[in-house]
Protein backbone atom coordinates (compact mmCIF):
# COMPACT_ATOMS: atom_id res chain seq x y z
CA MET A 1 391.37 186.11 -44.28
CA ALA A 2 394.87 187.76 -44.23
CA ALA A 3 394.82 188.86 -41.00
CA SER A 4 393.97 185.30 -39.54
CA ARG A 5 396.45 183.83 -41.66
CA ALA A 6 399.23 186.29 -41.17
CA GLY A 7 398.39 185.66 -36.54
CA ARG A 8 399.66 181.64 -37.31
CA THR A 9 402.99 182.78 -39.58
CA PRO A 10 406.67 183.82 -37.63
CA ALA A 11 407.67 187.32 -38.25
CA ARG A 12 410.41 186.49 -40.74
CA THR A 13 408.12 184.64 -42.85
CA ARG A 14 405.82 187.18 -42.73
CA ARG A 15 408.52 189.99 -44.28
CA ARG A 16 408.97 188.12 -47.11
CA TRP A 17 405.53 187.99 -48.32
CA LEU A 18 404.16 191.12 -47.24
CA LEU A 19 406.14 193.66 -49.53
CA PRO A 20 405.03 191.72 -52.90
CA LEU A 21 401.62 191.45 -51.06
CA LEU A 22 401.22 195.31 -50.74
CA MET A 23 402.11 195.65 -54.49
CA THR A 24 400.14 193.11 -55.71
CA GLY A 25 397.42 195.07 -53.97
CA LEU A 26 398.62 198.59 -55.05
CA LEU A 27 398.73 197.00 -58.71
CA ALA A 28 395.43 195.76 -58.66
CA GLY A 29 394.37 198.93 -57.83
CA VAL A 30 395.81 200.96 -60.56
CA GLY A 31 394.01 198.47 -62.42
CA GLY A 32 390.58 199.57 -61.39
CA ARG A 33 389.46 196.13 -60.04
CA THR A 34 389.19 197.21 -56.75
CA SER A 35 387.21 200.11 -57.58
CA GLN A 36 383.75 197.66 -57.73
CA ALA A 37 382.98 195.35 -54.85
CA ARG A 38 383.23 191.61 -55.28
CA PRO A 39 380.04 189.74 -55.93
CA PRO A 40 379.57 187.69 -53.12
CA ALA A 41 379.47 183.59 -53.44
CA PRO A 42 376.23 182.11 -54.20
CA VAL A 43 374.69 180.49 -50.75
CA PRO A 44 374.11 176.88 -51.69
CA GLU A 45 370.29 176.01 -51.12
CA PRO A 46 370.64 173.92 -48.00
CA ARG A 47 369.80 170.13 -48.69
CA VAL A 48 367.35 168.28 -47.39
CA VAL A 49 368.63 166.61 -44.02
CA ARG A 50 367.45 162.97 -44.10
CA SER A 51 369.17 162.02 -40.87
CA PRO A 52 367.18 159.56 -39.03
CA GLU A 53 368.48 160.71 -35.06
CA GLY A 54 368.35 164.23 -36.49
CA THR A 55 365.08 163.97 -37.27
CA ARG A 56 363.75 162.28 -34.63
CA ILE A 57 365.42 164.94 -31.94
CA LEU A 58 364.32 167.92 -33.70
CA LEU A 59 361.31 166.42 -33.90
CA ALA A 60 360.84 166.07 -29.88
CA THR A 61 362.42 169.78 -29.46
CA LEU A 62 359.62 171.26 -31.59
CA GLU A 63 356.74 169.47 -30.12
CA ARG A 64 357.82 169.90 -26.66
CA GLY A 65 354.77 171.11 -24.37
CA ARG A 66 353.34 172.15 -27.32
CA ALA A 67 349.43 171.98 -26.33
CA THR A 68 350.11 169.68 -23.67
CA LEU A 69 346.53 170.34 -22.02
CA ILE A 70 344.75 170.02 -25.24
CA ARG A 71 346.02 166.45 -25.83
CA ASP A 72 345.45 165.35 -22.25
CA LEU A 73 341.53 166.04 -22.59
CA VAL A 74 341.41 165.48 -26.34
CA ARG A 75 342.50 161.75 -24.94
CA ARG A 76 339.88 161.60 -22.38
CA ALA A 77 337.05 162.77 -24.19
CA PRO A 78 335.20 159.52 -25.43
CA ALA A 79 335.01 158.85 -21.44
CA ARG A 80 333.21 162.50 -20.72
CA ARG A 81 330.93 162.84 -23.74
CA ARG A 82 329.21 159.79 -22.17
CA ALA A 83 328.69 162.19 -19.30
CA ILE A 84 325.01 163.13 -18.87
CA ALA A 85 325.42 166.80 -18.77
CA PRO A 86 328.32 169.00 -18.40
CA THR A 87 329.83 169.17 -14.66
CA GLU A 88 330.75 172.06 -13.44
CA ASP A 89 332.28 173.20 -9.69
CA PRO A 90 330.08 176.15 -8.57
CA ALA A 91 332.26 176.98 -6.31
CA ALA A 92 335.47 177.61 -8.78
CA ARG A 93 332.68 179.81 -11.08
CA ARG A 94 332.01 182.23 -7.76
CA ARG A 95 335.65 182.18 -7.02
CA GLU A 96 336.05 183.38 -10.98
CA ALA A 97 332.86 185.39 -11.34
CA ALA A 98 334.08 187.50 -7.90
CA ALA A 99 337.39 187.94 -9.32
CA ALA A 100 336.28 189.15 -12.29
CA ASN A 101 333.94 191.70 -11.03
CA SER A 102 336.87 193.15 -8.64
CA TYR A 103 338.96 193.38 -11.55
CA ARG A 104 336.86 195.60 -13.32
CA ARG A 105 336.31 197.89 -10.24
CA ALA A 106 340.01 197.93 -9.58
CA SER A 107 340.57 198.63 -13.28
CA ARG A 108 338.67 202.13 -13.26
CA ARG A 109 340.60 203.32 -10.18
CA PRO A 110 344.53 204.50 -9.94
CA SER A 111 345.23 202.17 -7.71
CA LEU A 112 348.48 199.63 -9.09
CA ASN A 113 348.02 197.78 -6.18
CA GLU A 114 345.06 196.91 -5.82
CA ARG A 115 345.06 196.00 -9.63
CA ARG A 116 347.63 193.78 -8.99
CA ARG A 117 345.40 192.29 -5.75
CA THR A 118 342.69 191.95 -7.91
CA ARG A 119 344.13 190.37 -10.75
CA HIS A 120 346.10 187.53 -8.37
CA GLY A 121 342.46 186.73 -7.35
CA LEU A 122 341.60 186.14 -11.21
CA ARG A 123 344.65 184.38 -11.92
CA GLY A 124 343.86 181.88 -8.67
CA ALA A 125 340.08 181.52 -10.30
CA ARG A 126 341.54 180.46 -13.89
CA ASP A 127 343.90 178.01 -12.69
CA ALA A 128 341.56 176.59 -10.04
CA ARG A 129 339.44 175.71 -13.16
CA LEU A 130 341.97 174.29 -15.05
CA ARG A 131 342.55 172.23 -12.56
CA GLY A 132 339.41 170.94 -12.50
CA LEU A 133 339.33 170.67 -16.02
CA ARG A 134 342.74 168.49 -15.77
CA SER A 135 340.71 166.57 -13.17
CA ASP A 136 337.27 165.56 -14.99
CA GLY A 137 337.26 162.34 -16.33
CA GLY A 138 340.25 161.02 -14.54
CA PRO A 139 343.49 161.56 -13.17
CA ALA A 140 345.36 164.63 -13.81
CA ARG A 141 348.49 164.49 -15.81
CA ALA A 142 351.47 166.51 -15.32
CA SER A 143 351.55 168.67 -18.33
CA SER A 144 354.78 170.09 -17.59
CA GLN A 145 356.60 167.30 -19.20
CA VAL A 146 358.44 166.81 -22.22
CA LEU A 147 356.34 163.77 -24.05
CA PRO A 148 357.81 160.57 -23.92
CA ALA A 149 359.38 159.11 -26.70
CA ALA A 150 357.01 156.46 -27.22
CA ARG A 151 354.06 159.45 -27.51
CA THR A 152 356.07 161.79 -29.98
CA GLY A 153 358.58 159.32 -31.57
CA LEU A 154 358.45 158.96 -35.26
CA PRO A 155 357.48 155.59 -36.09
CA ALA A 156 353.64 156.46 -34.19
CA ILE A 157 353.16 158.88 -36.28
CA GLN A 158 354.05 157.31 -39.67
CA GLY A 159 352.15 154.25 -38.22
CA LEU A 160 349.55 156.17 -38.15
CA LEU A 161 349.47 157.88 -41.86
CA ASP A 162 348.36 156.99 -45.12
CA ALA A 163 349.86 156.95 -48.58
CA ARG A 164 349.01 159.76 -49.65
CA GLU A 165 349.26 161.98 -46.25
CA ALA A 166 352.38 163.59 -44.54
CA ALA A 167 352.89 164.73 -41.37
CA VAL A 168 354.70 168.49 -40.87
CA SER A 169 356.12 170.11 -37.85
CA LEU A 170 357.32 173.45 -38.08
CA GLY A 171 358.63 175.56 -35.48
CA THR A 172 362.16 177.76 -34.52
CA ARG A 173 365.40 176.87 -33.44
CA ASP A 174 368.19 179.35 -32.84
CA GLY A 175 366.29 181.77 -34.28
CA ARG A 176 365.62 179.92 -37.43
CA LEU A 177 362.14 178.68 -38.86
CA ARG A 178 362.56 174.52 -38.76
CA ALA A 179 360.70 172.26 -40.35
CA VAL A 180 360.47 167.79 -39.81
CA VAL A 181 358.48 165.68 -42.64
CA ALA A 182 357.38 162.73 -42.22
CA THR A 183 355.63 160.13 -44.67
CA ARG A 184 354.45 156.77 -43.98
CA ASP A 185 358.02 155.21 -45.35
CA ALA A 186 360.64 158.05 -44.74
CA ALA A 187 361.39 161.46 -42.25
CA TRP A 188 363.76 163.93 -43.41
CA HIS A 189 364.15 167.94 -41.60
CA ARG A 190 364.49 171.28 -43.23
CA ASP A 191 365.64 174.44 -42.65
CA LEU A 192 363.06 177.63 -44.01
CA GLY A 193 365.27 180.90 -43.00
CA SER A 194 365.30 183.74 -40.49
CA LEU A 195 362.32 183.69 -37.92
CA ALA A 196 362.26 187.48 -39.08
CA ARG A 197 361.78 187.13 -42.40
CA TRP A 198 358.61 184.91 -41.74
CA THR A 199 357.63 187.30 -39.62
CA THR A 200 357.34 189.93 -42.31
CA LEU A 201 356.06 187.21 -44.52
CA VAL A 202 353.40 186.21 -42.93
CA THR A 203 352.23 189.73 -41.65
CA GLN A 204 352.18 191.02 -45.62
CA CYS A 205 350.01 187.47 -46.67
CA SER A 206 347.74 188.30 -43.99
CA PRO A 207 344.89 189.95 -45.42
CA THR A 208 343.13 191.74 -42.38
CA GLU A 209 341.59 194.43 -44.80
CA PRO A 210 340.13 193.36 -48.87
CA GLU A 211 342.51 196.66 -49.80
CA GLN A 212 345.13 195.31 -48.79
CA ASP A 213 347.92 194.44 -51.60
CA VAL A 214 348.55 190.64 -51.62
CA VAL A 215 350.20 190.09 -55.29
CA GLY A 216 351.96 187.11 -55.32
CA CYS A 217 351.23 186.09 -51.83
CA ASP A 218 350.54 182.53 -53.33
CA ALA A 219 353.54 182.43 -54.93
CA LYS A 220 355.80 183.91 -52.30
CA LEU A 221 354.37 181.36 -49.67
CA GLU A 222 354.61 178.03 -51.65
CA GLN A 223 358.18 179.21 -52.70
CA ARG A 224 359.48 179.43 -48.98
CA LEU A 225 356.92 176.83 -47.04
CA MET A 226 356.13 173.89 -49.22
CA MET A 227 358.48 173.86 -52.84
CA PRO A 228 361.69 173.31 -49.54
CA LEU A 229 359.53 170.62 -47.94
CA ASP A 230 360.45 168.42 -51.00
CA LEU A 231 357.02 166.41 -50.41
CA PRO A 232 356.42 163.26 -52.53
CA PRO A 233 354.26 164.22 -55.79
CA GLU A 234 351.25 161.56 -54.21
CA VAL A 235 351.64 163.39 -51.45
CA GLU A 236 347.73 165.15 -51.46
CA SER A 237 346.92 166.25 -48.01
CA LEU A 238 349.07 167.53 -44.87
CA VAL A 239 348.80 167.15 -41.12
CA ILE A 240 350.42 170.25 -40.01
CA SER A 241 351.39 170.96 -36.46
CA SER A 242 353.21 174.66 -35.78
CA SER A 243 354.30 177.48 -33.32
CA ASP A 244 351.81 180.24 -32.71
CA LEU A 245 353.60 182.63 -34.70
CA LEU A 246 353.12 180.32 -38.18
CA HIS A 247 348.90 180.26 -37.02
CA GLY A 248 348.42 183.26 -39.06
CA VAL A 249 349.81 181.65 -42.64
CA PRO A 250 346.92 181.20 -44.72
CA LEU A 251 347.34 177.72 -46.07
CA ALA A 252 344.85 178.36 -48.87
CA LEU A 253 347.84 180.41 -50.55
CA ALA A 254 350.23 178.34 -49.68
CA VAL A 255 349.70 174.38 -50.23
CA GLY A 256 348.79 174.59 -54.29
CA ARG A 257 346.37 171.69 -54.92
CA ARG A 258 347.28 169.84 -51.71
CA ARG A 259 345.32 169.93 -48.86
CA ALA A 260 346.32 170.99 -45.60
CA ILE A 261 344.69 169.93 -42.23
CA ARG A 262 346.01 171.81 -38.93
CA VAL A 263 346.62 170.15 -35.50
CA PRO A 264 347.51 171.77 -32.32
CA SER A 265 350.60 169.36 -31.92
CA LEU A 266 350.90 165.96 -33.15
CA ALA A 267 350.15 164.27 -30.17
CA THR A 268 346.83 165.83 -30.37
CA TRP A 269 346.57 164.64 -33.57
CA ARG A 270 347.63 161.14 -33.17
CA ALA A 271 345.06 160.50 -29.95
CA LEU A 272 342.33 162.13 -32.70
CA ARG A 273 343.71 159.35 -35.32
CA GLU A 274 343.69 156.45 -32.99
CA GLY A 275 340.16 156.78 -31.79
CA ARG A 276 339.14 157.36 -35.57
CA HIS A 277 337.85 153.81 -35.76
CA ALA A 278 335.72 154.14 -32.70
CA ARG A 279 334.04 157.02 -33.83
CA GLU A 280 329.97 156.25 -34.85
CA PRO A 281 329.07 159.11 -37.59
CA GLY A 282 327.09 161.66 -36.77
CA VAL A 283 323.84 162.49 -37.48
CA GLY A 284 322.10 166.09 -38.07
CA VAL A 285 323.15 169.64 -38.11
CA LEU A 286 322.52 171.89 -35.27
CA ALA A 287 323.24 175.62 -35.92
CA ILE A 288 322.70 178.30 -33.29
CA GLY A 289 323.68 181.80 -34.91
CA ALA A 290 322.23 185.39 -35.22
CA PRO A 291 322.58 186.84 -31.49
CA LEU A 292 320.64 189.49 -30.25
CA TYR A 293 322.90 192.75 -29.99
CA ALA A 294 320.57 195.15 -29.12
CA ASP A 295 322.11 195.96 -25.44
CA SER A 296 325.12 196.30 -27.59
CA GLN A 297 324.47 198.50 -30.59
CA THR A 298 323.00 200.88 -27.57
CA HIS A 299 324.98 200.89 -25.17
CA GLY A 300 328.25 198.78 -25.72
CA ALA A 301 328.54 195.52 -23.65
CA ARG A 302 330.58 194.63 -20.95
CA ILE A 303 330.39 190.67 -21.30
CA GLU A 304 332.77 188.91 -18.49
CA LYS A 305 336.39 190.61 -18.73
CA ILE A 306 335.99 192.84 -21.68
CA GLU A 307 334.79 195.39 -23.27
CA LEU A 308 332.86 195.02 -26.25
CA PRO A 309 332.29 197.80 -29.01
CA PRO A 310 328.91 197.81 -30.68
CA LEU A 311 328.22 195.05 -32.35
CA PRO A 312 326.43 194.70 -35.76
CA THR A 313 323.57 192.92 -36.61
CA LEU A 314 323.83 189.47 -38.31
CA ASP A 315 321.40 189.27 -41.22
CA ALA A 316 323.31 186.98 -43.67
CA ALA A 317 324.11 184.54 -40.54
CA ARG A 318 320.67 184.09 -40.13
CA GLN A 319 319.86 183.06 -43.49
CA GLU A 320 322.93 180.79 -43.54
CA VAL A 321 321.58 179.10 -39.90
CA THR A 322 317.84 178.64 -41.75
CA ALA A 323 319.44 177.08 -45.45
CA ILE A 324 321.91 174.63 -43.41
CA ALA A 325 320.21 173.26 -40.17
CA ASP A 326 318.51 170.46 -38.87
CA ALA A 327 317.58 171.79 -35.80
CA ALA A 328 318.22 176.07 -35.24
CA LEU A 329 318.77 178.27 -32.30
CA LEU A 330 318.17 182.04 -33.29
CA GLY A 331 318.22 185.30 -31.96
CA ALA A 332 316.77 184.97 -28.26
CA SER A 333 317.04 181.22 -28.00
CA ALA A 334 321.14 181.56 -29.02
CA THR A 335 322.46 181.87 -25.18
CA GLU A 336 325.14 179.66 -23.69
CA ARG A 337 322.75 178.04 -21.41
CA THR A 338 320.62 176.91 -24.64
CA LEU A 339 323.84 175.52 -26.72
CA ALA A 340 325.29 173.34 -23.50
CA ARG A 341 321.49 171.77 -23.04
CA ALA A 342 320.79 171.21 -26.66
CA LEU A 343 324.39 169.45 -26.48
CA SER A 344 323.68 167.05 -23.71
CA SER A 345 320.51 165.96 -24.61
CA ARG A 346 321.47 165.10 -28.81
CA GLY A 347 323.80 162.33 -29.51
CA GLN A 348 326.58 162.59 -31.87
CA LEU A 349 326.28 165.06 -34.46
CA ARG A 350 327.62 165.61 -37.60
CA ALA A 351 327.85 168.76 -37.02
CA LEU A 352 327.80 171.91 -34.87
CA HIS A 353 327.28 175.09 -36.52
CA ILE A 354 327.59 178.85 -35.09
CA ALA A 355 327.03 181.79 -36.77
CA ALA A 356 328.17 185.16 -34.58
CA HIS A 357 330.58 187.43 -34.00
CA GLY A 358 334.09 186.18 -32.60
CA ILE A 359 336.26 187.92 -30.25
CA PHE A 360 340.17 186.59 -30.02
CA ARG A 361 342.69 187.97 -27.71
CA PRO A 362 346.18 187.32 -27.66
CA GLU A 363 346.97 188.51 -24.54
CA ARG A 364 344.47 186.17 -23.15
CA PRO A 365 343.73 183.64 -25.39
CA TRP A 366 341.94 181.81 -22.39
CA PHE A 367 339.27 184.55 -22.78
CA SER A 368 338.99 184.50 -26.44
CA GLY A 369 335.55 183.40 -27.72
CA ILE A 370 332.18 183.87 -29.25
CA VAL A 371 329.99 186.41 -28.30
CA LEU A 372 326.60 185.23 -28.50
CA THR A 373 322.89 186.65 -26.59
CA PRO A 374 323.24 187.33 -23.27
CA THR A 375 320.60 186.84 -20.27
CA HIS A 376 320.70 187.27 -17.22
CA GLU A 377 322.10 183.54 -16.39
CA ASP A 378 325.06 184.29 -18.74
CA ASP A 379 326.78 187.11 -20.33
CA GLY A 380 326.47 185.86 -23.78
CA LEU A 381 330.50 185.28 -24.26
CA LEU A 382 331.15 181.76 -24.84
CA THR A 383 334.58 181.74 -23.53
CA VAL A 384 337.54 179.03 -24.92
CA HIS A 385 337.67 177.59 -21.39
CA GLU A 386 333.58 177.33 -20.99
CA VAL A 387 333.60 175.12 -24.22
CA MET A 388 336.38 173.40 -22.96
CA ARG A 389 333.67 172.44 -19.58
CA LEU A 390 331.27 171.48 -22.76
CA ARG A 391 330.32 167.98 -24.36
CA VAL A 392 330.51 168.40 -27.56
CA GLY A 393 329.76 165.20 -29.43
CA ALA A 394 330.28 166.80 -33.50
CA ASP A 395 331.94 164.68 -36.40
CA LEU A 396 333.21 168.61 -36.80
CA VAL A 397 332.61 172.07 -35.23
CA VAL A 398 332.34 175.01 -37.88
CA LEU A 399 333.01 178.61 -36.59
CA SER A 400 331.32 180.48 -38.76
CA ALA A 401 332.69 184.03 -36.81
CA CYS A 402 336.01 186.24 -37.00
CA ASN A 403 339.42 185.19 -35.37
CA THR A 404 338.42 182.13 -34.98
CA ALA A 405 340.90 180.15 -35.52
CA LEU A 406 344.08 181.82 -34.19
CA GLY A 407 345.66 180.44 -31.00
CA GLY A 408 348.11 181.69 -28.41
CA GLY A 409 350.69 180.38 -26.00
CA VAL A 410 350.31 181.30 -22.10
CA ALA A 411 351.23 179.50 -19.07
CA GLY A 412 353.61 176.89 -21.12
CA GLU A 413 350.45 175.59 -23.58
CA THR A 414 350.33 177.13 -27.18
CA SER A 415 347.54 176.97 -29.56
CA ILE A 416 344.99 178.10 -26.71
CA GLY A 417 342.02 178.74 -28.99
CA LEU A 418 338.45 177.91 -30.13
CA PRO A 419 340.00 175.27 -31.93
CA ALA A 420 342.11 173.32 -29.62
CA ALA A 421 338.90 173.94 -27.54
CA PHE A 422 336.04 172.48 -29.12
CA LEU A 423 338.44 169.64 -29.93
CA ALA A 424 339.37 168.86 -25.94
CA ALA A 425 335.58 169.12 -25.50
CA GLY A 426 335.30 166.29 -28.03
CA SER A 427 334.51 167.26 -31.40
CA HIS A 428 336.61 166.02 -34.63
CA ALA A 429 337.18 168.72 -36.26
CA VAL A 430 336.78 172.34 -36.01
CA LEU A 431 336.37 174.91 -38.98
CA GLY A 432 337.15 178.43 -38.52
CA ALA A 433 338.47 181.70 -39.74
CA LEU A 434 342.20 183.86 -39.15
CA TRP A 435 340.80 187.55 -39.64
CA ARG A 436 337.84 189.51 -39.70
CA VAL A 437 335.71 188.17 -42.61
CA ASP A 438 332.42 189.04 -44.46
CA ASP A 439 328.74 188.25 -43.64
CA ASP A 440 327.47 187.78 -46.96
CA ALA A 441 330.83 185.89 -48.91
CA THR A 442 330.55 184.06 -45.03
CA SER A 443 327.43 183.16 -46.14
CA ALA A 444 327.83 182.18 -49.37
CA LEU A 445 330.88 179.57 -48.73
CA MET A 446 329.00 178.33 -45.87
CA ARG A 447 326.11 177.75 -47.48
CA LYS A 448 328.60 175.92 -50.69
CA PHE A 449 330.01 174.06 -47.68
CA HIS A 450 327.98 172.16 -46.48
CA GLU A 451 325.87 171.47 -49.44
CA ILE A 452 329.08 169.53 -51.07
CA TRP A 453 329.96 167.99 -47.68
CA ARG A 454 326.76 166.64 -47.11
CA ALA A 455 325.56 166.14 -50.82
CA PRO A 456 323.54 163.07 -50.84
CA GLY A 457 325.62 159.72 -52.45
CA ARG A 458 329.21 161.61 -52.11
CA GLN A 459 331.86 160.88 -49.93
CA ALA A 460 333.51 164.44 -50.29
CA SER A 461 335.74 164.59 -47.04
CA ALA A 462 335.51 168.29 -45.26
CA ALA A 463 339.24 169.24 -46.80
CA SER A 464 337.58 168.83 -50.74
CA ALA A 465 334.66 170.85 -49.48
CA LEU A 466 336.15 173.41 -47.68
CA ARG A 467 338.63 174.07 -51.23
CA GLN A 468 335.68 173.64 -53.73
CA ALA A 469 333.53 175.97 -51.03
CA GLN A 470 336.54 178.73 -51.50
CA ALA A 471 337.06 178.07 -55.22
CA HIS A 472 333.37 179.01 -55.94
CA VAL A 473 333.38 181.95 -53.51
CA ARG A 474 336.99 183.23 -55.21
CA ARG A 475 334.97 182.73 -58.42
CA GLN A 476 332.76 185.92 -57.46
CA PRO A 477 334.26 188.62 -58.96
CA ARG A 478 333.25 191.18 -55.83
CA TRP A 479 334.52 188.30 -53.65
CA ARG A 480 338.10 187.48 -55.67
CA HIS A 481 340.66 189.13 -52.74
CA PRO A 482 342.09 186.33 -51.25
CA TYR A 483 340.74 188.27 -47.49
CA TYR A 484 337.18 186.87 -48.82
CA TRP A 485 338.29 183.33 -48.98
CA ALA A 486 341.61 182.62 -47.74
CA GLY A 487 340.91 182.98 -44.66
CA TRP A 488 339.15 179.45 -43.39
CA SER A 489 341.38 176.93 -41.53
CA LEU A 490 340.54 172.96 -40.70
CA TRP A 491 341.84 171.53 -37.36
CA GLY A 492 341.53 168.32 -35.94
CA ASP A 493 341.12 164.58 -37.75
CA PRO A 494 337.74 165.24 -40.11
CA SER A 495 336.58 161.61 -41.73
């Protein structure tokens, strides 16, 4: 500070006070005060900012370009569900299959140029399929545009919230995590700290193994995420839109007594909520699970674009499906084609339940998926882009499999994953897992969830049923660790 002030002081004046200042410093050194570092001044806690204009601008910035394809498909989902059967472009499917086969062959060869050429062909085939998705059921929309104010404006979001709900948009700006909070009557924004700090915290508090030390993570997440949001005490449910980094946060550890629902974007949630009044309650549970993995166990499976390791048989998944299903597709019947036919021949379902192995590919999220029984007609991997071409008339899709609640960003889109895909295909809500899950603990949690959610005479919401099912599993001594119950995440707009 002295140096900067001296730069603006004339030389003569500087000489008059420089010597006394030096003497004062020397005497202070003799007294020993400079032998210890002066403690830094405390940094004041950032206050909640309630600038209406600043909040609106920040919300538009955080939500810009977030899940625009999903938003477009959700808006057209009612019209697409009225179709008798899924539409498919055979030529696009053949081009994609040929490009995928070429890429697999080239991957075994040392020629980099050949691999690049075939990869380019695969991407072109994929883009053709995506263009078909955008034009299916209506004219194509320009997804790269910034969402207009009428779609992301705070008044539109606030008008759809009830008195006990709050919408939260989380994203990064200038290397820091920012939050916009909206209730029915007010809105504000908050700085939640550096991005590096959050990256470390998410890694620490997302247990990928039951031995991982996560002691104190619930307190840390609540202190760093929930408390700074300054939520009113009457808020019981949160609708959370976030960047891909925060998809891995186990909200069951963070939100305390509240319920939390994730959405690909607030514009997607708005499209879902606006269509709630026209929904007909679904009937029955269609469950598919316990696929046959015999070939995978013996030889390792080549499914679509990836090499899969041997996959263990899911014994508990068979019992789970049998216990909860009104109609079940098991073993050899658990295929992509039988699932598509079952969905197209049924009306609105209360739930579609899938119990199988899940695959998440962060570098290519379009090809993440659920591993079903392979046949001569299909490869057995129900991928994200294939889900988007289905007609899923279900109040809730339950993905009882590993890594099914994760999403990634690609080609300007965010939140590309199975939850967004099933919402785009017509489901109102999706339940999935953030990490690898235990077969037995998952089966127990799912049975309890359906027992509570579908209990005659009770009106438990999906979010409430999930919290109670998680508490049930947590009370078991062998499943007390958050690895067994905290990774389940609810997406969309469950009734």
